[in-house]
Amino acid sequence: MARLTCGITRLLAASALFTVLGAQADPILIKFSHITADSTPKGQGALMFKKLVEERLPGQVEVQVFANREDRLVLVTPREHPLAGRECIALREAAGFDFIGLQQDASLHALLQQSAQQMGTPLRLRIQVRSFEAICRMIHTSMGIGVLPEQVVRNYLPALDVAMVPLTDVWARRELKLGVRNLESLSVTARQMLEHLTAREGNV
């Protein structure tokens, strides 16, 4: 709750700054992105950001968000691990094992720490590294288990001796979104990129 309050306070301060800058003739370009669910503190903060900016700068700044795709998080284990044969699992059931995770400033790390705090069971974070590939390779050598995006793991499955188990936690399904300041002001190249990325969703 303290982290959410701090985040909203920062958004309020940013919105106040935008009000001052709004008097300038040149348009202000705001880039804001997140890949967490709207129900999480970060997702709520993103929605609050959109609301405050559009309220304080009516007609001057528009925040448009497009759904891109759904991303599912999975538990990754060595192939011979006791949890490797599970059809699905909740994070709480894996909390007793050593985890390999990302650095403190990674959004996935924050998501896992928040979930662990909510369930009242801290994760045994053994090692923190800077990339998904490093996590997969350490799991391959049986140094621990981890939580990663399913598509990332599939890219490494043929080369590494790891298994993945779908997580049943609600937050494990994340909707990836694309945000633009104004759809009509996009360049031809940017518009084509947006159409390509959202073609399967039928949003543009």
C-alpha atoms as a PDB file:
ATOM      1  CA  MET A   1       0.000   0.000   0.000  1.00  0.00           C
ATOM      2  CA  ALA A   2       2.891   2.367   0.834  1.00  0.00           C
ATOM      3  CA  ARG A   3       4.456   1.690  -2.574  1.00  0.00           C
ATOM      4  CA  LEU A   4       1.147   2.397  -4.344  1.00  0.00           C
ATOM      5  CA  THR A   5       0.675   5.630  -2.354  1.00  0.00           C
ATOM      6  CA  CYS A   6       4.196   6.723  -3.226  1.00  0.00           C
ATOM      7  CA  GLY A   7       3.599   5.969  -6.901  1.00  0.00           C
ATOM      8  CA  ILE A   8       0.348   7.948  -7.010  1.00  0.00           C
ATOM      9  CA  THR A   9       2.062  10.860  -5.215  1.00  0.00           C
ATOM     10  CA  ARG A  10       4.696  10.924  -7.944  1.00  0.00           C
ATOM     11  CA  LEU A  11       2.012  10.840 -10.609  1.00  0.00           C
ATOM     12  CA  LEU A  12       0.248  13.790  -8.962  1.00  0.00           C
ATOM     13  CA  ALA A  13       3.513  15.730  -8.926  1.00  0.00           C
ATOM     14  CA  ALA A  14       4.133  14.891 -12.591  1.00  0.00           C
ATOM     15  CA  SER A  15       0.615  15.940 -13.502  1.00  0.00           C
ATOM     16  CA  ALA A  16       1.112  19.289 -11.731  1.00  0.00           C
ATOM     17  CA  LEU A  17       4.308  19.808 -13.729  1.00  0.00           C
ATOM     18  CA  PHE A  18       2.485  19.026 -16.964  1.00  0.00           C
ATOM     19  CA  THR A  19      -0.073  21.714 -16.085  1.00  0.00           C
ATOM     20  CA  VAL A  20       2.706  24.294 -15.949  1.00  0.00           C
ATOM     21  CA  LEU A  21       4.323  23.069 -19.135  1.00  0.00           C
ATOM     22  CA  GLY A  22       0.969  22.920 -20.891  1.00  0.00           C
ATOM     23  CA  ALA A  23       1.166  26.636 -21.565  1.00  0.00           C
ATOM     24  CA  GLN A  24       4.068  26.083 -23.951  1.00  0.00           C
ATOM     25  CA  ALA A  25       3.359  26.171 -27.675  1.00  0.00           C
ATOM     26  CA  ASP A  26       5.301  23.034 -28.500  1.00  0.00           C
ATOM     27  CA  PRO A  27       3.510  19.750 -27.789  1.00  0.00           C
ATOM     28  CA  ILE A  28       4.807  17.563 -24.976  1.00  0.00           C
ATOM     29  CA  LEU A  29       5.559  13.933 -25.825  1.00  0.00           C
ATOM     30  CA  ILE A  30       4.745  11.538 -22.986  1.00  0.00           C
ATOM     31  CA  LYS A  31       5.853   7.921 -23.199  1.00  0.00           C
ATOM     32  CA  PHE A  32       4.456   5.549 -20.588  1.00  0.00           C
ATOM     33  CA  SER A  33       4.288   1.781 -20.788  1.00  0.00           C
ATOM     34  CA  HIS A  34       3.646  -1.175 -18.500  1.00  0.00           C
ATOM     35  CA  ILE A  35       2.978  -4.891 -18.903  1.00  0.00           C
ATOM     36  CA  THR A  36       1.296  -5.706 -15.625  1.00  0.00           C
ATOM     37  CA  ALA A  37      -2.401  -6.334 -15.090  1.00  0.00           C
ATOM     38  CA  ASP A  38      -4.672  -3.357 -14.390  1.00  0.00           C
ATOM     39  CA  SER A  39      -5.457  -4.851 -10.962  1.00  0.00           C
ATOM     40  CA  THR A  40      -1.836  -4.533  -9.739  1.00  0.00           C
ATOM     41  CA  PRO A  41      -0.481  -1.340  -8.097  1.00  0.00           C
ATOM     42  CA  LYS A  42       1.577  -0.545 -11.190  1.00  0.00           C
ATOM     43  CA  GLY A  43      -1.424  -1.125 -13.452  1.00  0.00           C
ATOM     44  CA  GLN A  44      -3.590   1.089 -11.239  1.00  0.00           C
ATOM     45  CA  GLY A  45      -0.890   3.752 -11.308  1.00  0.00           C
ATOM     46  CA  ALA A  46      -0.849   3.676 -15.122  1.00  0.00           C
ATOM     47  CA  LEU A  47      -4.623   4.197 -15.239  1.00  0.00           C
ATOM     48  CA  MET A  48      -4.343   7.038 -12.721  1.00  0.00           C
ATOM     49  CA  PHE A  49      -1.599   8.607 -14.843  1.00  0.00           C
ATOM     50  CA  LYS A  50      -3.856   8.579 -17.910  1.00  0.00           C
ATOM     51  CA  LYS A  51      -6.759  10.032 -15.924  1.00  0.00           C
ATOM     52  CA  LEU A  52      -4.759  12.858 -14.333  1.00  0.00           C
ATOM     53  CA  VAL A  53      -2.972  13.905 -17.515  1.00  0.00           C
ATOM     54  CA  GLU A  54      -6.167  14.071 -19.560  1.00  0.00           C
ATOM     55  CA  GLU A  55      -8.008  15.928 -16.774  1.00  0.00           C
ATOM     56  CA  ARG A  56      -5.252  18.510 -16.241  1.00  0.00           C
ATOM     57  CA  LEU A  57      -4.401  19.012 -19.923  1.00  0.00           C
ATOM     58  CA  PRO A  58      -7.795  18.710 -21.654  1.00  0.00           C
ATOM     59  CA  GLY A  59      -7.434  18.746 -25.412  1.00  0.00           C
ATOM     60  CA  GLN A  60      -3.654  19.092 -25.200  1.00  0.00           C
ATOM     61  CA  VAL A  61      -2.596  15.555 -24.379  1.00  0.00           C
ATOM     62  CA  GLU A  62      -4.402  12.348 -25.166  1.00  0.00           C
ATOM     63  CA  VAL A  63      -3.259   8.958 -23.920  1.00  0.00           C
ATOM     64  CA  GLN A  64      -4.347   6.081 -26.136  1.00  0.00           C
ATOM     65  CA  VAL A  65      -3.747   2.453 -25.140  1.00  0.00           C
ATOM     66  CA  PHE A  66      -4.012  -0.598 -27.389  1.00  0.00           C
ATOM     67  CA  ALA A  67      -4.051  -4.215 -26.244  1.00  0.00           C
ATOM     68  CA  ASN A  68      -1.156  -6.064 -27.850  1.00  0.00           C
ATOM     69  CA  ARG A  69      -1.111  -9.647 -26.613  1.00  0.00           C
ATOM     70  CA  GLU A  70      -1.387 -11.775 -23.511  1.00  0.00           C
ATOM     71  CA  ASP A  71       1.749 -12.962 -21.807  1.00  0.00           C
ATOM     72  CA  ARG A  72       1.660 -15.944 -19.429  1.00  0.00           C
ATOM     73  CA  LEU A  73       4.208 -16.464 -16.673  1.00  0.00           C
ATOM     74  CA  VAL A  74       5.367 -19.987 -15.889  1.00  0.00           C
ATOM     75  CA  LEU A  75       7.471 -21.683 -13.250  1.00  0.00           C
ATOM     76  CA  VAL A  76      10.747 -22.951 -14.719  1.00  0.00           C
ATOM     77  CA  THR A  77      12.576 -25.858 -13.080  1.00  0.00           C
ATOM     78  CA  PRO A  78      15.379 -28.307 -13.887  1.00  0.00           C
ATOM     79  CA  ARG A  79      13.873 -31.244 -15.787  1.00  0.00           C
ATOM     80  CA  GLU A  80      14.469 -33.648 -12.871  1.00  0.00           C
ATOM     81  CA  HIS A  81      13.100 -31.269 -10.230  1.00  0.00           C
ATOM     82  CA  PRO A  82      10.284 -32.522  -7.921  1.00  0.00           C
ATOM     83  CA  LEU A  83       7.907 -29.881  -9.353  1.00  0.00           C
ATOM     84  CA  ALA A  84       8.757 -30.533 -13.014  1.00  0.00           C
ATOM     85  CA  GLY A  85       5.984 -33.074 -13.523  1.00  0.00           C
ATOM     86  CA  ARG A  86       3.157 -30.858 -12.261  1.00  0.00           C
ATOM     87  CA  GLU A  87       0.418 -29.870 -14.735  1.00  0.00           C
ATOM     88  CA  CYS A  88       0.060 -26.481 -13.022  1.00  0.00           C
ATOM     89  CA  ILE A  89       1.084 -24.838  -9.765  1.00  0.00           C
ATOM     90  CA  ALA A  90       0.520 -21.801  -7.551  1.00  0.00           C
ATOM     91  CA  LEU A  91       3.544 -19.738  -6.534  1.00  0.00           C
ATOM     92  CA  ARG A  92       2.817 -20.475  -2.868  1.00  0.00           C
ATOM     93  CA  GLU A  93       3.513 -24.189  -3.492  1.00  0.00           C
ATOM     94  CA  ALA A  94       6.989 -23.421  -4.846  1.00  0.00           C
ATOM     95  CA  ALA A  95       8.009 -20.872  -2.213  1.00  0.00           C
ATOM     96  CA  GLY A  96      10.060 -23.426  -0.261  1.00  0.00           C
ATOM     97  CA  PHE A  97      12.621 -23.826  -3.069  1.00  0.00           C
ATOM     98  CA  ASP A  98      15.576 -21.596  -4.008  1.00  0.00           C
ATOM     99  CA  PHE A  99      14.721 -19.034  -6.718  1.00  0.00           C
ATOM    100  CA  ILE A 100      16.836 -17.408  -9.417  1.00  0.00           C
ATOM    101  CA  GLY A 101      15.462 -13.942 -10.209  1.00  0.00           C
ATOM    102  CA  LEU A 102      16.095 -10.654 -11.962  1.00  0.00           C
ATOM    103  CA  GLN A 103      17.680  -7.520 -10.508  1.00  0.00           C
ATOM    104  CA  GLN A 104      15.815  -5.273  -8.062  1.00  0.00           C
ATOM    105  CA  ASP A 105      14.789  -2.745 -10.733  1.00  0.00           C
ATOM    106  CA  ALA A 106      13.035  -5.300 -12.978  1.00  0.00           C
ATOM    107  CA  SER A 107       9.230  -5.151 -13.146  1.00  0.00           C
ATOM    108  CA  LEU A 108       8.987  -8.961 -12.965  1.00  0.00           C
ATOM    109  CA  HIS A 109      11.012  -8.953  -9.742  1.00  0.00           C
ATOM    110  CA  ALA A 110       8.642  -6.357  -8.245  1.00  0.00           C
ATOM    111  CA  LEU A 111       5.624  -8.415  -9.312  1.00  0.00           C
ATOM    112  CA  LEU A 112       6.954 -11.578  -7.639  1.00  0.00           C
ATOM    113  CA  GLN A 113       7.909  -9.751  -4.448  1.00  0.00           C
ATOM    114  CA  GLN A 114       4.464  -8.171  -4.255  1.00  0.00           C
ATOM    115  CA  SER A 115       2.795 -11.547  -4.726  1.00  0.00           C
ATOM    116  CA  ALA A 116       5.002 -13.130  -2.057  1.00  0.00           C
ATOM    117  CA  GLN A 117       4.139 -10.316   0.334  1.00  0.00           C
ATOM    118  CA  GLN A 118       0.420 -10.748  -0.287  1.00  0.00           C
ATOM    119  CA  MET A 119       0.542 -14.482   0.395  1.00  0.00           C
ATOM    120  CA  GLY A 120       2.700 -13.953   3.480  1.00  0.00           C
ATOM    121  CA  THR A 121       5.451 -16.288   2.290  1.00  0.00           C
ATOM    122  CA  PRO A 122       8.759 -14.674   1.242  1.00  0.00           C
ATOM    123  CA  LEU A 123      10.604 -16.213  -1.704  1.00  0.00           C
ATOM    124  CA  ARG A 124      14.027 -17.743  -1.124  1.00  0.00           C
ATOM    125  CA  LEU A 125      15.859 -15.607  -3.702  1.00  0.00           C
ATOM    126  CA  ARG A 126      19.267 -17.254  -4.060  1.00  0.00           C
ATOM    127  CA  ILE A 127      20.735 -15.341  -7.001  1.00  0.00           C
ATOM    128  CA  GLN A 128      19.731 -12.239  -8.987  1.00  0.00           C
ATOM    129  CA  VAL A 129      20.905 -11.785 -12.573  1.00  0.00           C
ATOM    130  CA  ARG A 130      20.305  -9.324 -15.394  1.00  0.00           C
ATOM    131  CA  SER A 131      18.638 -11.404 -18.115  1.00  0.00           C
ATOM    132  CA  PHE A 132      16.088 -14.145 -18.807  1.00  0.00           C
ATOM    133  CA  GLU A 133      18.790 -16.162 -20.545  1.00  0.00           C
ATOM    134  CA  ALA A 134      20.996 -16.118 -17.438  1.00  0.00           C
ATOM    135  CA  ILE A 135      18.067 -17.342 -15.326  1.00  0.00           C
ATOM    136  CA  CYS A 136      17.388 -20.214 -17.746  1.00  0.00           C
ATOM    137  CA  ARG A 137      21.040 -21.268 -17.817  1.00  0.00           C
ATOM    138  CA  MET A 138      21.296 -21.290 -14.024  1.00  0.00           C
ATOM    139  CA  ILE A 139      18.121 -23.360 -13.762  1.00  0.00           C
ATOM    140  CA  HIS A 140      19.632 -25.689 -16.375  1.00  0.00           C
ATOM    141  CA  THR A 141      22.531 -26.317 -13.977  1.00  0.00           C
ATOM    142  CA  SER A 142      20.093 -27.007 -11.077  1.00  0.00           C
ATOM    143  CA  MET A 143      20.986 -23.863  -9.133  1.00  0.00           C
ATOM    144  CA  GLY A 144      17.321 -23.073  -8.468  1.00  0.00           C
ATOM    145  CA  ILE A 145      13.936 -22.411 -10.067  1.00  0.00           C
ATOM    146  CA  GLY A 146      12.402 -19.248 -11.478  1.00  0.00           C
ATOM    147  CA  VAL A 147       9.374 -17.487 -12.946  1.00  0.00           C
ATOM    148  CA  LEU A 148       9.606 -16.332 -16.561  1.00  0.00           C
ATOM    149  CA  PRO A 149       7.376 -15.458 -19.544  1.00  0.00           C
ATOM    150  CA  GLU A 150       6.281 -18.646 -21.319  1.00  0.00           C
ATOM    151  CA  GLN A 151       7.411 -17.491 -24.763  1.00  0.00           C
ATOM    152  CA  VAL A 152      10.898 -16.682 -23.475  1.00  0.00           C
ATOM    153  CA  VAL A 153      11.249 -20.173 -22.015  1.00  0.00           C
ATOM    154  CA  ARG A 154      10.058 -21.822 -25.246  1.00  0.00           C
ATOM    155  CA  ASN A 155      12.923 -20.093 -27.070  1.00  0.00           C
ATOM    156  CA  TYR A 156      15.447 -21.852 -24.801  1.00  0.00           C
ATOM    157  CA  LEU A 157      13.737 -25.234 -24.310  1.00  0.00           C
ATOM    158  CA  PRO A 158      15.467 -27.037 -27.205  1.00  0.00           C
ATOM    159  CA  ALA A 159      18.939 -26.154 -25.897  1.00  0.00           C
ATOM    160  CA  LEU A 160      18.460 -26.421 -22.127  1.00  0.00           C
ATOM    161  CA  ASP A 161      17.416 -29.223 -19.805  1.00  0.00           C
ATOM    162  CA  VAL A 162      14.553 -27.356 -18.134  1.00  0.00           C
ATOM    163  CA  ALA A 163      10.808 -27.814 -17.694  1.00  0.00           C
ATOM    164  CA  MET A 164       8.037 -25.260 -17.351  1.00  0.00           C
ATOM    165  CA  VAL A 165       4.863 -25.476 -15.290  1.00  0.00           C
ATOM    166  CA  PRO A 166       1.942 -23.017 -15.834  1.00  0.00           C
ATOM    167  CA  LEU A 167       1.193 -20.814 -12.829  1.00  0.00           C
ATOM    168  CA  THR A 168      -2.415 -20.662 -11.623  1.00  0.00           C
ATOM    169  CA  ASP A 169      -2.052 -17.252  -9.929  1.00  0.00           C
ATOM    170  CA  VAL A 170      -4.242 -14.523 -11.454  1.00  0.00           C
ATOM    171  CA  TRP A 171      -1.312 -12.138 -11.901  1.00  0.00           C
ATOM    172  CA  ALA A 172       0.528 -14.757 -13.996  1.00  0.00           C
ATOM    173  CA  ARG A 173      -1.515 -13.705 -17.040  1.00  0.00           C
ATOM    174  CA  ARG A 174      -0.404 -10.265 -18.172  1.00  0.00           C
ATOM    175  CA  GLU A 175      -1.907  -8.193 -20.969  1.00  0.00           C
ATOM    176  CA  LEU A 176       0.778  -6.376 -22.946  1.00  0.00           C
ATOM    177  CA  LYS A 177      -0.341  -2.974 -24.182  1.00  0.00           C
ATOM    178  CA  LEU A 178       0.905  -0.342 -26.600  1.00  0.00           C
ATOM    179  CA  GLY A 179       0.480   3.355 -25.831  1.00  0.00           C
ATOM    180  CA  VAL A 180       0.683   6.348 -28.172  1.00  0.00           C
ATOM    181  CA  ARG A 181       0.150  10.042 -27.537  1.00  0.00           C
ATOM    182  CA  ASN A 182      -2.217  10.519 -30.460  1.00  0.00           C
ATOM    183  CA  LEU A 183      -3.108   7.944 -33.105  1.00  0.00           C
ATOM    184  CA  GLU A 184      -3.743  10.497 -35.861  1.00  0.00           C
ATOM    185  CA  SER A 185      -0.380  12.222 -35.361  1.00  0.00           C
ATOM    186  CA  LEU A 186       1.687   9.070 -35.890  1.00  0.00           C
ATOM    187  CA  SER A 187       4.062   8.961 -38.828  1.00  0.00           C
ATOM    188  CA  VAL A 188       3.340   6.475 -41.609  1.00  0.00           C
ATOM    189  CA  THR A 189       6.107   4.187 -40.372  1.00  0.00           C
ATOM    190  CA  ALA A 190       4.893   4.285 -36.756  1.00  0.00           C
ATOM    191  CA  ARG A 191       1.297   3.681 -37.861  1.00  0.00           C
ATOM    192  CA  GLN A 192       2.339   0.661 -39.929  1.00  0.00           C
ATOM    193  CA  MET A 193       4.271  -0.734 -36.957  1.00  0.00           C
ATOM    194  CA  LEU A 194       1.228  -0.263 -34.710  1.00  0.00           C
ATOM    195  CA  GLU A 195      -1.041  -1.973 -37.241  1.00  0.00           C
ATOM    196  CA  HIS A 196       1.396  -4.870 -37.544  1.00  0.00           C
ATOM    197  CA  LEU A 197       1.656  -5.356 -33.784  1.00  0.00           C
ATOM    198  CA  THR A 198      -2.107  -5.208 -33.242  1.00  0.00           C
ATOM    199  CA  ALA A 199      -3.209  -7.052 -36.407  1.00  0.00           C
ATOM    200  CA  ARG A 200      -4.159 -10.234 -34.528  1.00  0.00           C
ATOM    201  CA  GLU A 201      -6.210  -8.281 -31.996  1.00  0.00           C
ATOM    202  CA  GLY A 202      -8.234  -6.262 -34.518  1.00  0.00           C
ATOM    203  CA  ASN A 203      -7.875  -3.030 -32.538  1.00  0.00           C
ATOM    204  CA  VAL A 204      -6.740  -0.620 -35.253  1.00  0.00           C
END
